N, C-alpha and C. Protein backbone atom coordinates (compact mmCIF):
# COMPACT_ATOMS: atom_id res chain seq x y z
N UNK A 1 0.84 -1.18 0.00
CA UNK A 1 0.00 0.00 0.00
C UNK A 1 0.88 1.24 0.00
N UNK A 2 0.58 2.15 -0.88
CA UNK A 2 1.33 3.39 -0.91
C UNK A 2 0.48 4.53 -0.38
N UNK A 3 1.14 5.53 0.13
CA UNK A 3 0.46 6.69 0.70
C UNK A 3 0.81 7.88 -0.16
N UNK A 4 -0.18 8.42 -0.86
CA UNK A 4 0.03 9.54 -1.76
C UNK A 4 -0.17 10.87 -1.05
N UNK A 5 0.07 11.91 -1.82
CA UNK A 5 -0.06 13.26 -1.28
C UNK A 5 -1.51 13.56 -0.88
N UNK A 6 -2.45 13.06 -1.67
CA UNK A 6 -3.87 13.28 -1.34
C UNK A 6 -4.24 12.60 -0.03
N UNK A 7 -3.67 11.41 0.22
CA UNK A 7 -3.94 10.71 1.47
C UNK A 7 -3.37 11.47 2.67
N UNK A 8 -2.17 12.02 2.50
CA UNK A 8 -1.56 12.79 3.58
C UNK A 8 -2.37 14.05 3.87
N UNK A 9 -2.82 14.73 2.82
CA UNK A 9 -3.65 15.93 2.99
C UNK A 9 -4.95 15.58 3.71
N UNK A 10 -5.54 14.47 3.34
CA UNK A 10 -6.79 14.03 3.97
C UNK A 10 -6.58 13.72 5.45
N UNK A 11 -5.46 13.05 5.78
CA UNK A 11 -5.16 12.74 7.17
C UNK A 11 -4.92 13.99 7.99
N UNK A 12 -4.21 14.96 7.43
CA UNK A 12 -3.95 16.21 8.14
C UNK A 12 -5.25 16.95 8.39
N UNK A 13 -6.11 17.01 7.38
CA UNK A 13 -7.35 17.79 7.53
C UNK A 13 -8.30 17.14 8.54
N UNK A 14 -8.36 15.82 8.57
CA UNK A 14 -9.28 15.18 9.52
C UNK A 14 -8.75 15.23 10.95
N UNK A 15 -7.44 15.05 11.13
CA UNK A 15 -6.90 15.03 12.49
C UNK A 15 -6.74 16.42 13.08
N UNK A 16 -6.50 17.43 12.24
CA UNK A 16 -6.34 18.79 12.74
C UNK A 16 -7.63 19.59 12.66
N UNK A 17 -8.70 18.98 12.08
CA UNK A 17 -10.00 19.64 11.94
C UNK A 17 -9.89 20.96 11.17
N UNK A 18 -9.17 20.90 10.03
CA UNK A 18 -9.04 22.05 9.15
C UNK A 18 -9.46 21.62 7.75
N UNK A 19 -9.62 22.60 6.87
CA UNK A 19 -10.06 22.29 5.51
C UNK A 19 -8.94 21.59 4.74
N UNK A 20 -9.33 20.85 3.72
CA UNK A 20 -8.33 20.15 2.91
C UNK A 20 -7.50 21.15 2.11
N UNK A 21 -8.07 22.29 1.75
CA UNK A 21 -7.32 23.33 1.05
C UNK A 21 -6.17 23.84 1.91
N UNK A 22 -6.47 24.11 3.19
CA UNK A 22 -5.45 24.61 4.10
C UNK A 22 -4.40 23.53 4.39
N UNK A 23 -4.81 22.30 4.56
CA UNK A 23 -3.85 21.23 4.82
C UNK A 23 -2.98 20.97 3.60
N UNK A 24 -3.52 21.15 2.40
CA UNK A 24 -2.73 21.03 1.18
C UNK A 24 -1.67 22.13 1.13
N UNK A 25 -2.04 23.35 1.50
CA UNK A 25 -1.07 24.45 1.53
C UNK A 25 0.02 24.19 2.56
N UNK A 26 -0.35 23.65 3.71
CA UNK A 26 0.62 23.33 4.75
C UNK A 26 1.62 22.29 4.26
N UNK A 27 1.11 21.24 3.64
CA UNK A 27 1.99 20.18 3.14
C UNK A 27 2.90 20.69 2.03
N UNK A 28 2.37 21.48 1.10
CA UNK A 28 3.19 22.02 0.02
C UNK A 28 4.29 22.95 0.53
N UNK A 29 3.96 23.78 1.51
CA UNK A 29 4.99 24.68 2.05
C UNK A 29 6.04 23.90 2.84
N UNK A 30 5.64 22.84 3.52
CA UNK A 30 6.59 21.99 4.22
C UNK A 30 7.56 21.33 3.24
N UNK A 31 7.03 20.81 2.15
CA UNK A 31 7.87 20.16 1.14
C UNK A 31 8.83 21.16 0.50
N UNK A 32 8.32 22.36 0.19
CA UNK A 32 9.18 23.39 -0.41
C UNK A 32 10.30 23.79 0.54
N UNK A 33 9.98 23.92 1.83
CA UNK A 33 11.01 24.27 2.81
C UNK A 33 12.07 23.20 2.92
N UNK A 34 11.67 21.94 2.90
CA UNK A 34 12.63 20.84 2.97
C UNK A 34 13.53 20.87 1.73
N UNK A 35 12.95 21.04 0.56
CA UNK A 35 13.72 21.06 -0.69
C UNK A 35 14.71 22.22 -0.70
N UNK A 36 14.26 23.42 -0.35
CA UNK A 36 15.14 24.59 -0.39
C UNK A 36 16.25 24.51 0.65
N UNK A 37 15.92 24.05 1.85
CA UNK A 37 16.92 23.97 2.91
C UNK A 37 17.93 22.87 2.65
N UNK A 38 17.50 21.78 2.05
CA UNK A 38 18.43 20.67 1.83
C UNK A 38 19.38 20.94 0.67
N UNK A 39 19.10 21.94 -0.17
CA UNK A 39 20.05 22.32 -1.21
C UNK A 39 21.30 22.93 -0.59
N UNK A 40 21.14 23.58 0.55
CA UNK A 40 22.26 24.23 1.23
C UNK A 40 23.00 23.22 2.12
N UNK A 41 22.26 22.50 2.94
CA UNK A 41 22.85 21.50 3.82
C UNK A 41 21.79 20.45 4.13
N UNK A 42 22.20 19.34 4.74
CA UNK A 42 21.24 18.29 5.03
C UNK A 42 20.28 18.74 6.13
N UNK A 43 19.04 18.26 6.04
CA UNK A 43 18.00 18.64 6.99
C UNK A 43 17.63 17.41 7.81
N UNK A 44 17.84 17.50 9.13
CA UNK A 44 17.54 16.37 10.00
C UNK A 44 16.27 16.65 10.79
N UNK A 45 15.34 15.72 10.72
CA UNK A 45 14.12 15.78 11.52
C UNK A 45 14.25 14.68 12.56
N UNK A 46 14.31 15.05 13.80
CA UNK A 46 14.56 14.11 14.87
C UNK A 46 13.51 13.00 14.89
N UNK A 47 13.96 11.78 15.08
CA UNK A 47 13.14 10.56 15.14
C UNK A 47 12.42 10.26 13.84
N UNK A 48 12.80 10.91 12.74
CA UNK A 48 12.21 10.62 11.44
C UNK A 48 13.27 10.29 10.40
N UNK A 49 14.21 11.21 10.18
CA UNK A 49 15.25 10.95 9.20
C UNK A 49 15.96 12.21 8.77
N UNK A 50 16.86 12.04 7.78
CA UNK A 50 17.66 13.15 7.27
C UNK A 50 17.46 13.26 5.77
N UNK A 51 17.09 14.45 5.32
CA UNK A 51 16.97 14.75 3.90
C UNK A 51 18.28 15.33 3.41
N UNK A 52 18.77 14.86 2.26
CA UNK A 52 20.01 15.38 1.69
C UNK A 52 19.97 15.23 0.18
N UNK A 53 20.79 16.02 -0.51
CA UNK A 53 20.90 15.92 -1.95
C UNK A 53 22.04 14.99 -2.31
N UNK A 54 21.80 14.10 -3.24
CA UNK A 54 22.81 13.15 -3.72
C UNK A 54 22.98 13.35 -5.22
N UNK A 55 24.23 13.43 -5.67
CA UNK A 55 24.51 13.56 -7.09
C UNK A 55 24.89 12.20 -7.64
N UNK A 56 24.06 11.66 -8.52
CA UNK A 56 24.38 10.38 -9.14
C UNK A 56 25.33 10.62 -10.30
N UNK A 57 26.34 9.80 -10.46
CA UNK A 57 27.34 10.03 -11.50
C UNK A 57 26.80 9.74 -12.90
N UNK A 58 27.52 10.24 -13.89
CA UNK A 58 27.18 9.97 -15.28
C UNK A 58 27.40 8.48 -15.54
N UNK A 59 26.50 7.87 -16.32
CA UNK A 59 26.62 6.44 -16.59
C UNK A 59 26.13 6.14 -18.00
N UNK A 60 26.36 4.92 -18.42
CA UNK A 60 25.94 4.48 -19.75
C UNK A 60 24.64 3.70 -19.60
N UNK A 61 23.63 4.10 -20.38
CA UNK A 61 22.34 3.41 -20.40
C UNK A 61 22.17 2.67 -21.71
N UNK A 62 21.19 1.77 -21.73
CA UNK A 62 20.98 0.98 -22.94
C UNK A 62 19.49 0.82 -23.18
N UNK A 63 19.07 1.04 -24.43
CA UNK A 63 17.70 0.81 -24.82
C UNK A 63 17.51 -0.71 -24.95
N UNK A 64 16.61 -1.31 -24.17
CA UNK A 64 16.50 -2.77 -24.19
C UNK A 64 15.99 -3.34 -25.51
N UNK A 65 15.22 -2.57 -26.27
CA UNK A 65 14.69 -3.14 -27.51
C UNK A 65 15.68 -3.02 -28.67
N UNK A 66 16.42 -1.90 -28.75
CA UNK A 66 17.35 -1.71 -29.86
C UNK A 66 18.80 -1.97 -29.47
N UNK A 67 19.06 -2.15 -28.19
CA UNK A 67 20.42 -2.36 -27.65
C UNK A 67 21.35 -1.17 -27.92
N UNK A 68 20.76 -0.01 -28.21
CA UNK A 68 21.55 1.18 -28.47
C UNK A 68 22.01 1.78 -27.14
N UNK A 69 23.29 2.12 -27.03
CA UNK A 69 23.84 2.70 -25.82
C UNK A 69 23.83 4.22 -25.90
N UNK A 70 23.64 4.87 -24.77
CA UNK A 70 23.68 6.32 -24.68
C UNK A 70 24.13 6.69 -23.28
N UNK A 71 24.59 7.92 -23.12
CA UNK A 71 25.04 8.35 -21.80
C UNK A 71 23.91 9.06 -21.07
N UNK A 72 23.79 8.73 -19.82
CA UNK A 72 22.83 9.39 -18.93
C UNK A 72 23.62 10.41 -18.13
N UNK A 73 23.28 11.69 -18.21
CA UNK A 73 24.07 12.70 -17.50
C UNK A 73 23.90 12.59 -15.99
N UNK A 74 24.84 13.20 -15.26
CA UNK A 74 24.73 13.16 -13.80
C UNK A 74 23.54 13.99 -13.35
N UNK A 75 22.93 13.54 -12.28
CA UNK A 75 21.73 14.20 -11.75
C UNK A 75 21.87 14.36 -10.25
N UNK A 76 21.23 15.39 -9.72
CA UNK A 76 21.15 15.51 -8.28
C UNK A 76 19.70 15.29 -7.88
N UNK A 77 19.53 14.51 -6.81
CA UNK A 77 18.19 14.18 -6.37
C UNK A 77 18.11 14.25 -4.86
N UNK A 78 16.92 14.51 -4.37
CA UNK A 78 16.67 14.58 -2.94
C UNK A 78 16.49 13.18 -2.39
N UNK A 79 17.23 12.84 -1.35
CA UNK A 79 17.17 11.51 -0.75
C UNK A 79 16.80 11.63 0.72
N UNK A 80 16.30 10.54 1.27
CA UNK A 80 15.94 10.49 2.68
C UNK A 80 16.60 9.27 3.30
N UNK A 81 17.35 9.50 4.36
CA UNK A 81 17.89 8.39 5.15
C UNK A 81 17.02 8.30 6.39
N UNK A 82 16.30 7.21 6.50
CA UNK A 82 15.32 7.04 7.56
C UNK A 82 16.02 6.71 8.87
N UNK A 83 15.50 7.24 9.99
CA UNK A 83 16.09 6.99 11.30
C UNK A 83 15.77 5.58 11.77
N UNK A 84 16.50 5.13 12.75
CA UNK A 84 16.28 3.79 13.29
C UNK A 84 14.93 3.65 13.97
N UNK A 85 14.40 4.74 14.52
CA UNK A 85 13.08 4.70 15.17
C UNK A 85 12.00 4.33 14.15
N UNK A 86 12.06 4.93 12.97
CA UNK A 86 11.09 4.65 11.92
C UNK A 86 11.28 3.23 11.41
N UNK A 87 12.52 2.80 11.24
CA UNK A 87 12.80 1.45 10.76
C UNK A 87 12.24 0.39 11.71
N UNK A 88 12.44 0.58 12.99
CA UNK A 88 11.95 -0.42 13.96
C UNK A 88 10.42 -0.41 14.05
N UNK A 89 9.81 0.75 13.88
CA UNK A 89 8.34 0.79 13.95
C UNK A 89 7.71 0.16 12.71
N UNK A 90 8.41 0.20 11.57
CA UNK A 90 7.88 -0.41 10.34
C UNK A 90 8.11 -1.91 10.31
N UNK A 91 9.17 -2.38 10.91
CA UNK A 91 9.48 -3.81 10.86
C UNK A 91 8.95 -4.57 12.04
């Protein structure tokens, strides 16, 4: 089972007794703050995890149907290292 953004907005609005529009704005601003702050340095949320940017190196990719090779440029992506508290509660 996956938990989407709509599910998170619905949970926030029902538990906080606020409108879904307001809870959507809260979630979007939280995500934007995490993204902007983690570009500068890693962002640690206690008992949850650490958000950081990781740069994946350039590599060679292959089209499976034509077997044609091409280079995939390096990319930076936002990653999350989950804390041990979350890991133990999930397992």
